Amino acid sequence: MSDPTFPPDQKTVCEQKVEILDKSIAPVTDNKIPIGDIYTNSNEINPPVYAIIDIETTGLSPWAERITCIGVQIIRPTDGKSTAQHEPIVFTQKQNGEIDILAQFWNYILQNKVTKLVGWNLDGFDWPFIKVRSAFLNVPLGNYFHKYSERIDLMSVLKCGKWQKLETAAQVLFGEGKIAANPVILWHEDKIDELKSYNMKDVELTARIFQRCIKLGILGK
């Protein structure tokens, strides 16, 4: 499968789409929210619903590369220091493509009424990638999560400097790391099950870091 690229004129169109999204956020009042509607009433939902996310891509630039899978785990706090969690799920489609991956992801976010995204290097990689690719492929965003208060980047929370690997944090905190594989190669070799396992492990490690931060009070109440 050839990877989509962004000629200069298309990149400009995508930038315009992202700018429009910034200006067109509107709340909804119906609890039955179909894919495509945008809600921003996260402050009205108590307690918050967290989505631990991690993506795999064909490269580092959302302008020239694509998303190959998105892993998600829903976590719901039960009190100040414990949580209830769903089984992690990975969205990936080799045949139907990136649009389906993004549409399934946003639909899942809507169904679970997620109010906060959580990830490792979330603001530096995963969130910008999801936002740009959704805009370019004309996939409606379920919730724009435009405020910093609606996203938790654990790399920033733990003040690991400008950039730190999830592998390093997991080894230090838990004595174990990521699966030793290259997700780009797994994708191009059609090893989808192995790619899903790789991504799910990243989601699991990120969720464990998040839960430890909650338990220790690092994220506050």
C-alpha atoms as a PDB file:
ATOM      1  CA  MET A   1       0.000   0.000   0.000  1.00  0.00           C
ATOM      2  CA  SER A   2       1.382   3.358  -0.973  1.00  0.00           C
ATOM      3  CA  ASP A   3       1.436   6.018   1.688  1.00  0.00           C
ATOM      4  CA  PRO A   4      -0.502   9.266   1.106  1.00  0.00           C
ATOM      5  CA  THR A   5       1.643  12.345   0.736  1.00  0.00           C
ATOM      6  CA  PHE A   6       0.890  16.031   1.009  1.00  0.00           C
ATOM      7  CA  PRO A   7       1.763  18.251  -1.967  1.00  0.00           C
ATOM      8  CA  PRO A   8       2.197  21.895  -0.896  1.00  0.00           C
ATOM      9  CA  ASP A   9      -1.289  22.897  -2.032  1.00  0.00           C
ATOM     10  CA  GLN A  10      -2.924  20.032  -0.079  1.00  0.00           C
ATOM     11  CA  LYS A  11      -0.915  20.864   3.012  1.00  0.00           C
ATOM     12  CA  THR A  12      -2.300  24.390   2.874  1.00  0.00           C
ATOM     13  CA  VAL A  13      -5.838  23.013   2.597  1.00  0.00           C
ATOM     14  CA  CYS A  14      -5.255  20.799   5.616  1.00  0.00           C
ATOM     15  CA  GLU A  15      -3.876  23.678   7.659  1.00  0.00           C
ATOM     16  CA  GLN A  16      -7.028  25.644   6.775  1.00  0.00           C
ATOM     17  CA  LYS A  17      -9.202  22.737   7.924  1.00  0.00           C
ATOM     18  CA  VAL A  18      -7.431  22.584  11.262  1.00  0.00           C
ATOM     19  CA  GLU A  19      -7.857  26.351  11.660  1.00  0.00           C
ATOM     20  CA  ILE A  20     -11.570  26.032  10.897  1.00  0.00           C
ATOM     21  CA  LEU A  21     -11.920  23.292  13.505  1.00  0.00           C
ATOM     22  CA  ASP A  22     -10.392  25.634  16.061  1.00  0.00           C
ATOM     23  CA  LYS A  23     -13.209  28.126  15.411  1.00  0.00           C
ATOM     24  CA  SER A  24     -16.173  25.781  15.039  1.00  0.00           C
ATOM     25  CA  ILE A  25     -16.465  23.907  18.303  1.00  0.00           C
ATOM     26  CA  ALA A  26     -20.074  23.682  19.450  1.00  0.00           C
ATOM     27  CA  PRO A  27     -21.656  21.854  22.396  1.00  0.00           C
ATOM     28  CA  VAL A  28     -24.452  19.330  21.937  1.00  0.00           C
ATOM     29  CA  THR A  29     -27.273  18.588  24.299  1.00  0.00           C
ATOM     30  CA  ASP A  30     -28.416  15.173  23.055  1.00  0.00           C
ATOM     31  CA  ASN A  31     -26.787  12.264  24.865  1.00  0.00           C
ATOM     32  CA  LYS A  32     -27.052  10.127  21.722  1.00  0.00           C
ATOM     33  CA  ILE A  33     -24.151  11.621  19.816  1.00  0.00           C
ATOM     34  CA  PRO A  34     -23.556  10.104  16.348  1.00  0.00           C
ATOM     35  CA  ILE A  35     -20.100  10.093  14.818  1.00  0.00           C
ATOM     36  CA  GLY A  36     -19.428  13.529  13.426  1.00  0.00           C
ATOM     37  CA  ASP A  37     -20.990  15.608  16.173  1.00  0.00           C
ATOM     38  CA  ILE A  38     -18.660  17.528  18.433  1.00  0.00           C
ATOM     39  CA  TYR A  39     -19.167  17.959  22.132  1.00  0.00           C
ATOM     40  CA  THR A  40     -17.087  19.998  24.549  1.00  0.00           C
ATOM     41  CA  ASN A  41     -19.046  19.726  27.772  1.00  0.00           C
ATOM     42  CA  SER A  42     -16.320  17.686  29.501  1.00  0.00           C
ATOM     43  CA  ASN A  43     -16.419  19.893  32.588  1.00  0.00           C
ATOM     44  CA  GLU A  44     -20.057  18.953  33.123  1.00  0.00           C
ATOM     45  CA  ILE A  45     -19.382  15.215  33.356  1.00  0.00           C
ATOM     46  CA  ASN A  46     -18.318  13.911  36.746  1.00  0.00           C
ATOM     47  CA  PRO A  47     -16.216  11.931  37.268  1.00  0.00           C
ATOM     48  CA  PRO A  48     -14.016  12.327  34.179  1.00  0.00           C
ATOM     49  CA  VAL A  49     -13.615   9.476  31.722  1.00  0.00           C
ATOM     50  CA  TYR A  50     -10.046   8.959  30.548  1.00  0.00           C
ATOM     51  CA  ALA A  51      -8.899   7.381  27.289  1.00  0.00           C
ATOM     52  CA  ILE A  52      -5.318   6.123  27.292  1.00  0.00           C
ATOM     53  CA  ILE A  53      -4.226   6.311  23.662  1.00  0.00           C
ATOM     54  CA  ASP A  54      -1.212   5.370  21.593  1.00  0.00           C
ATOM     55  CA  ILE A  55      -0.797   5.435  17.826  1.00  0.00           C
ATOM     56  CA  GLU A  56       1.494   3.775  15.308  1.00  0.00           C
ATOM     57  CA  THR A  57       2.344   5.498  12.041  1.00  0.00           C
ATOM     58  CA  THR A  58       4.396   5.039   8.897  1.00  0.00           C
ATOM     59  CA  GLY A  59       6.657   7.948   9.868  1.00  0.00           C
ATOM     60  CA  LEU A  60       7.031  11.060  11.979  1.00  0.00           C
ATOM     61  CA  SER A  61       5.241  13.729   9.921  1.00  0.00           C
ATOM     62  CA  PRO A  62       1.426  13.853   9.794  1.00  0.00           C
ATOM     63  CA  TRP A  63       1.747  15.866   6.576  1.00  0.00           C
ATOM     64  CA  ALA A  64       3.515  13.047   4.707  1.00  0.00           C
ATOM     65  CA  GLU A  65       2.733   9.835   6.605  1.00  0.00           C
ATOM     66  CA  ARG A  66      -0.332   7.976   7.884  1.00  0.00           C
ATOM     67  CA  ILE A  67      -1.725   6.311  10.992  1.00  0.00           C
ATOM     68  CA  THR A  68      -1.620   2.510  10.913  1.00  0.00           C
ATOM     69  CA  CYS A  69      -3.362   1.815  14.217  1.00  0.00           C
ATOM     70  CA  ILE A  70      -4.746   3.488  17.332  1.00  0.00           C
ATOM     71  CA  GLY A  71      -4.842   1.725  20.680  1.00  0.00           C
ATOM     72  CA  VAL A  72      -7.280   2.859  23.375  1.00  0.00           C
ATOM     73  CA  GLN A  73      -8.018   1.889  26.971  1.00  0.00           C
ATOM     74  CA  ILE A  74     -10.870   3.548  28.857  1.00  0.00           C
ATOM     75  CA  ILE A  75     -10.279   4.269  32.544  1.00  0.00           C
ATOM     76  CA  ARG A  76     -12.899   5.545  34.967  1.00  0.00           C
ATOM     77  CA  PRO A  77     -11.877   6.701  38.457  1.00  0.00           C
ATOM     78  CA  THR A  78     -13.823   5.056  41.275  1.00  0.00           C
ATOM     79  CA  ASP A  79     -12.383   7.260  44.009  1.00  0.00           C
ATOM     80  CA  GLY A  80      -9.379   9.493  44.532  1.00  0.00           C
ATOM     81  CA  LYS A  81      -6.756   6.760  44.153  1.00  0.00           C
ATOM     82  CA  SER A  82      -8.283   3.782  42.322  1.00  0.00           C
ATOM     83  CA  THR A  83      -9.741   3.190  38.886  1.00  0.00           C
ATOM     84  CA  ALA A  84     -11.918   0.820  36.888  1.00  0.00           C
ATOM     85  CA  GLN A  85     -10.718   0.066  33.382  1.00  0.00           C
ATOM     86  CA  HIS A  86     -11.995  -1.444  30.163  1.00  0.00           C
ATOM     87  CA  GLU A  87     -10.030  -3.967  28.132  1.00  0.00           C
ATOM     88  CA  PRO A  88      -7.733  -2.195  25.660  1.00  0.00           C
ATOM     89  CA  ILE A  89      -8.805  -2.144  22.030  1.00  0.00           C
ATOM     90  CA  VAL A  90      -6.750  -1.514  18.881  1.00  0.00           C
ATOM     91  CA  PHE A  91      -8.222  -0.051  15.695  1.00  0.00           C
ATOM     92  CA  THR A  92      -6.371  -0.972  12.520  1.00  0.00           C
ATOM     93  CA  GLN A  93      -7.431  -1.661   8.941  1.00  0.00           C
ATOM     94  CA  LYS A  94      -5.059  -2.836   6.248  1.00  0.00           C
ATOM     95  CA  GLN A  95      -7.621  -2.965   3.455  1.00  0.00           C
ATOM     96  CA  ASN A  96     -10.152  -0.267   4.288  1.00  0.00           C
ATOM     97  CA  GLY A  97      -7.549   2.280   5.243  1.00  0.00           C
ATOM     98  CA  GLU A  98      -6.859   5.128   7.564  1.00  0.00           C
ATOM     99  CA  ILE A  99     -10.298   6.722   7.331  1.00  0.00           C
ATOM    100  CA  ASP A 100     -11.871   3.662   8.944  1.00  0.00           C
ATOM    101  CA  ILE A 101      -9.261   3.633  11.713  1.00  0.00           C
ATOM    102  CA  LEU A 102     -10.007   7.253  12.592  1.00  0.00           C
ATOM    103  CA  ALA A 103     -13.777   6.878  12.284  1.00  0.00           C
ATOM    104  CA  GLN A 104     -13.791   3.823  14.560  1.00  0.00           C
ATOM    105  CA  PHE A 105     -11.577   5.633  17.063  1.00  0.00           C
ATOM    106  CA  TRP A 106     -13.778   8.728  17.232  1.00  0.00           C
ATOM    107  CA  ASN A 107     -16.932   6.627  17.454  1.00  0.00           C
ATOM    108  CA  TYR A 108     -15.449   4.713  20.404  1.00  0.00           C
ATOM    109  CA  ILE A 109     -14.513   7.986  22.110  1.00  0.00           C
ATOM    110  CA  LEU A 110     -18.085   9.221  21.666  1.00  0.00           C
ATOM    111  CA  GLN A 111     -19.703   6.003  22.855  1.00  0.00           C
ATOM    112  CA  ASN A 112     -17.698   6.103  26.077  1.00  0.00           C
ATOM    113  CA  LYS A 113     -18.185   9.864  26.591  1.00  0.00           C
ATOM    114  CA  VAL A 114     -14.458  10.369  27.039  1.00  0.00           C
ATOM    115  CA  THR A 115     -13.559  13.714  28.596  1.00  0.00           C
ATOM    116  CA  LYS A 116      -9.765  13.486  28.777  1.00  0.00           C
ATOM    117  CA  LEU A 117      -7.127  11.992  26.489  1.00  0.00           C
ATOM    118  CA  VAL A 118      -4.024  10.549  28.142  1.00  0.00           C
ATOM    119  CA  GLY A 119      -0.784   9.501  26.473  1.00  0.00           C
ATOM    120  CA  TRP A 120       2.985   9.521  26.510  1.00  0.00           C
ATOM    121  CA  ASN A 121       4.259  12.456  24.444  1.00  0.00           C
ATOM    122  CA  LEU A 122       0.590  13.000  23.623  1.00  0.00           C
ATOM    123  CA  ASP A 123       0.893  16.704  22.806  1.00  0.00           C
ATOM    124  CA  GLY A 124       4.137  16.222  20.904  1.00  0.00           C
ATOM    125  CA  PHE A 125       3.054  13.359  18.657  1.00  0.00           C
ATOM    126  CA  ASP A 126      -0.195  11.374  19.027  1.00  0.00           C
ATOM    127  CA  TRP A 127      -2.687  14.226  19.343  1.00  0.00           C
ATOM    128  CA  PRO A 128      -1.249  16.438  16.544  1.00  0.00           C
ATOM    129  CA  PHE A 129      -1.085  13.375  14.273  1.00  0.00           C
ATOM    130  CA  ILE A 130      -4.712  12.384  14.964  1.00  0.00           C
ATOM    131  CA  LYS A 131      -5.887  15.978  14.551  1.00  0.00           C
ATOM    132  CA  VAL A 132      -4.099  16.633  11.263  1.00  0.00           C
ATOM    133  CA  ARG A 133      -4.937  13.278   9.699  1.00  0.00           C
ATOM    134  CA  SER A 134      -8.610  13.612  10.693  1.00  0.00           C
ATOM    135  CA  ALA A 135      -8.731  17.072   9.137  1.00  0.00           C
ATOM    136  CA  PHE A 136      -7.014  16.019   5.922  1.00  0.00           C
ATOM    137  CA  LEU A 137      -9.185  12.919   5.458  1.00  0.00           C
ATOM    138  CA  ASN A 138     -12.370  14.826   6.386  1.00  0.00           C
ATOM    139  CA  VAL A 139     -13.127  12.605   9.372  1.00  0.00           C
ATOM    140  CA  PRO A 140     -15.238  14.505  11.946  1.00  0.00           C
ATOM    141  CA  LEU A 141     -13.666  14.762  15.370  1.00  0.00           C
ATOM    142  CA  GLY A 142     -15.783  13.346  18.163  1.00  0.00           C
ATOM    143  CA  ASN A 143     -14.414  15.821  20.687  1.00  0.00           C
ATOM    144  CA  TYR A 144     -11.768  18.342  19.783  1.00  0.00           C
ATOM    145  CA  PHE A 145     -10.030  18.212  23.182  1.00  0.00           C
ATOM    146  CA  HIS A 146      -8.731  21.669  22.349  1.00  0.00           C
ATOM    147  CA  LYS A 147      -7.946  22.683  25.932  1.00  0.00           C
ATOM    148  CA  TYR A 148      -4.828  21.539  27.726  1.00  0.00           C
ATOM    149  CA  SER A 149      -7.099  20.601  30.631  1.00  0.00           C
ATOM    150  CA  GLU A 150      -8.723  17.999  28.381  1.00  0.00           C
ATOM    151  CA  ARG A 151      -5.431  16.232  27.646  1.00  0.00           C
ATOM    152  CA  ILE A 152      -2.804  14.708  29.930  1.00  0.00           C
ATOM    153  CA  ASP A 153       0.675  14.228  28.501  1.00  0.00           C
ATOM    154  CA  LEU A 154       2.404  11.957  31.021  1.00  0.00           C
ATOM    155  CA  MET A 155       5.831  12.783  29.644  1.00  0.00           C
ATOM    156  CA  SER A 156       5.234  16.408  30.595  1.00  0.00           C
ATOM    157  CA  VAL A 157       3.629  15.485  33.919  1.00  0.00           C
ATOM    158  CA  LEU A 158       6.725  13.567  34.987  1.00  0.00           C
ATOM    159  CA  LYS A 159       8.961  16.367  33.664  1.00  0.00           C
ATOM    160  CA  CYS A 160      11.216  14.106  31.649  1.00  0.00           C
ATOM    161  CA  GLY A 161      12.803  16.948  29.708  1.00  0.00           C
ATOM    162  CA  LYS A 162      12.163  17.878  26.106  1.00  0.00           C
ATOM    163  CA  TRP A 163      11.678  14.283  24.949  1.00  0.00           C
ATOM    164  CA  GLN A 164      11.916  10.955  26.711  1.00  0.00           C
ATOM    165  CA  LYS A 165      11.046   7.463  25.524  1.00  0.00           C
ATOM    166  CA  LEU A 166       8.185   5.446  26.956  1.00  0.00           C
ATOM    167  CA  GLU A 167      10.637   2.535  27.035  1.00  0.00           C
ATOM    168  CA  THR A 168      12.896   4.379  29.480  1.00  0.00           C
ATOM    169  CA  ALA A 169      10.065   5.361  31.810  1.00  0.00           C
ATOM    170  CA  ALA A 170       8.623   1.832  31.831  1.00  0.00           C
ATOM    171  CA  GLN A 171      12.005   0.261  32.581  1.00  0.00           C
ATOM    172  CA  VAL A 172      12.620   2.661  35.460  1.00  0.00           C
ATOM    173  CA  LEU A 173       9.142   2.330  36.953  1.00  0.00           C
ATOM    174  CA  PHE A 174       8.292  -1.315  36.293  1.00  0.00           C
ATOM    175  CA  GLY A 175      11.476  -3.084  35.221  1.00  0.00           C
ATOM    176  CA  GLU A 176      10.024  -3.946  31.815  1.00  0.00           C
ATOM    177  CA  GLY A 177       9.731  -2.215  28.495  1.00  0.00           C
ATOM    178  CA  LYS A 178       8.103  -2.219  25.088  1.00  0.00           C
ATOM    179  CA  ILE A 179       7.982  -5.136  22.657  1.00  0.00           C
ATOM    180  CA  ALA A 180      11.215  -5.274  20.659  1.00  0.00           C
ATOM    181  CA  ALA A 181       9.926  -4.669  17.127  1.00  0.00           C
ATOM    182  CA  ASN A 182       9.652  -1.979  14.468  1.00  0.00           C
ATOM    183  CA  PRO A 183       5.974  -1.068  13.944  1.00  0.00           C
ATOM    184  CA  VAL A 184       6.640   0.452  10.522  1.00  0.00           C
ATOM    185  CA  ILE A 185       8.165  -2.793   9.276  1.00  0.00           C
ATOM    186  CA  LEU A 186       5.363  -4.836  10.830  1.00  0.00           C
ATOM    187  CA  TRP A 187       2.841  -2.739   8.898  1.00  0.00           C
ATOM    188  CA  HIS A 188       4.599  -3.010   5.554  1.00  0.00           C
ATOM    189  CA  GLU A 189       5.059  -6.767   6.029  1.00  0.00           C
ATOM    190  CA  ASP A 190       1.337  -7.179   6.751  1.00  0.00           C
ATOM    191  CA  LYS A 191       2.015  -8.514  10.249  1.00  0.00           C
ATOM    192  CA  ILE A 192      -1.121  -6.907  11.599  1.00  0.00           C
ATOM    193  CA  ASP A 193      -1.552  -9.140  14.642  1.00  0.00           C
ATOM    194  CA  GLU A 194       2.010  -8.424  15.723  1.00  0.00           C
ATOM    195  CA  LEU A 195       1.460  -4.706  15.144  1.00  0.00           C
ATOM    196  CA  LYS A 196      -1.652  -4.806  17.329  1.00  0.00           C
ATOM    197  CA  SER A 197       0.248  -6.608  20.088  1.00  0.00           C
ATOM    198  CA  TYR A 198       3.043  -4.040  19.894  1.00  0.00           C
ATOM    199  CA  ASN A 199       0.592  -1.167  20.154  1.00  0.00           C
ATOM    200  CA  MET A 200      -1.442  -2.791  22.936  1.00  0.00           C
ATOM    201  CA  LYS A 201       1.714  -3.188  25.026  1.00  0.00           C
ATOM    202  CA  ASP A 202       2.399   0.546  24.668  1.00  0.00           C
ATOM    203  CA  VAL A 203      -1.156   1.301  25.788  1.00  0.00           C
ATOM    204  CA  GLU A 204      -0.765  -1.043  28.755  1.00  0.00           C
ATOM    205  CA  LEU A 205       2.484   0.598  29.879  1.00  0.00           C
ATOM    206  CA  THR A 206       1.018   4.082  29.484  1.00  0.00           C
ATOM    207  CA  ALA A 207      -2.064   3.061  31.493  1.00  0.00           C
ATOM    208  CA  ARG A 208       0.123   1.684  34.289  1.00  0.00           C
ATOM    209  CA  ILE A 209       2.093   4.929  34.452  1.00  0.00           C
ATOM    210  CA  PHE A 210      -1.156   6.886  34.552  1.00  0.00           C
ATOM    211  CA  GLN A 211      -2.593   4.734  37.334  1.00  0.00           C
ATOM    212  CA  ARG A 212       0.565   5.119  39.374  1.00  0.00           C
ATOM    213  CA  CYS A 213       0.369   8.899  38.980  1.00  0.00           C
ATOM    214  CA  ILE A 214      -3.230   8.812  40.228  1.00  0.00           C
ATOM    215  CA  LYS A 215      -2.366   6.544  43.167  1.00  0.00           C
ATOM    216  CA  LEU A 216       0.507   8.768  44.258  1.00  0.00           C
ATOM    217  CA  GLY A 217      -1.476  11.959  43.853  1.00  0.00           C
ATOM    218  CA  ILE A 218       0.803  13.324  41.129  1.00  0.00           C
ATOM    219  CA  LEU A 219      -2.185  14.315  38.985  1.00  0.00           C
ATOM    220  CA  GLY A 220      -4.043  15.888  41.874  1.00  0.00           C
ATOM    221  CA  LYS A 221      -7.626  15.145  42.776  1.00  0.00           C
END
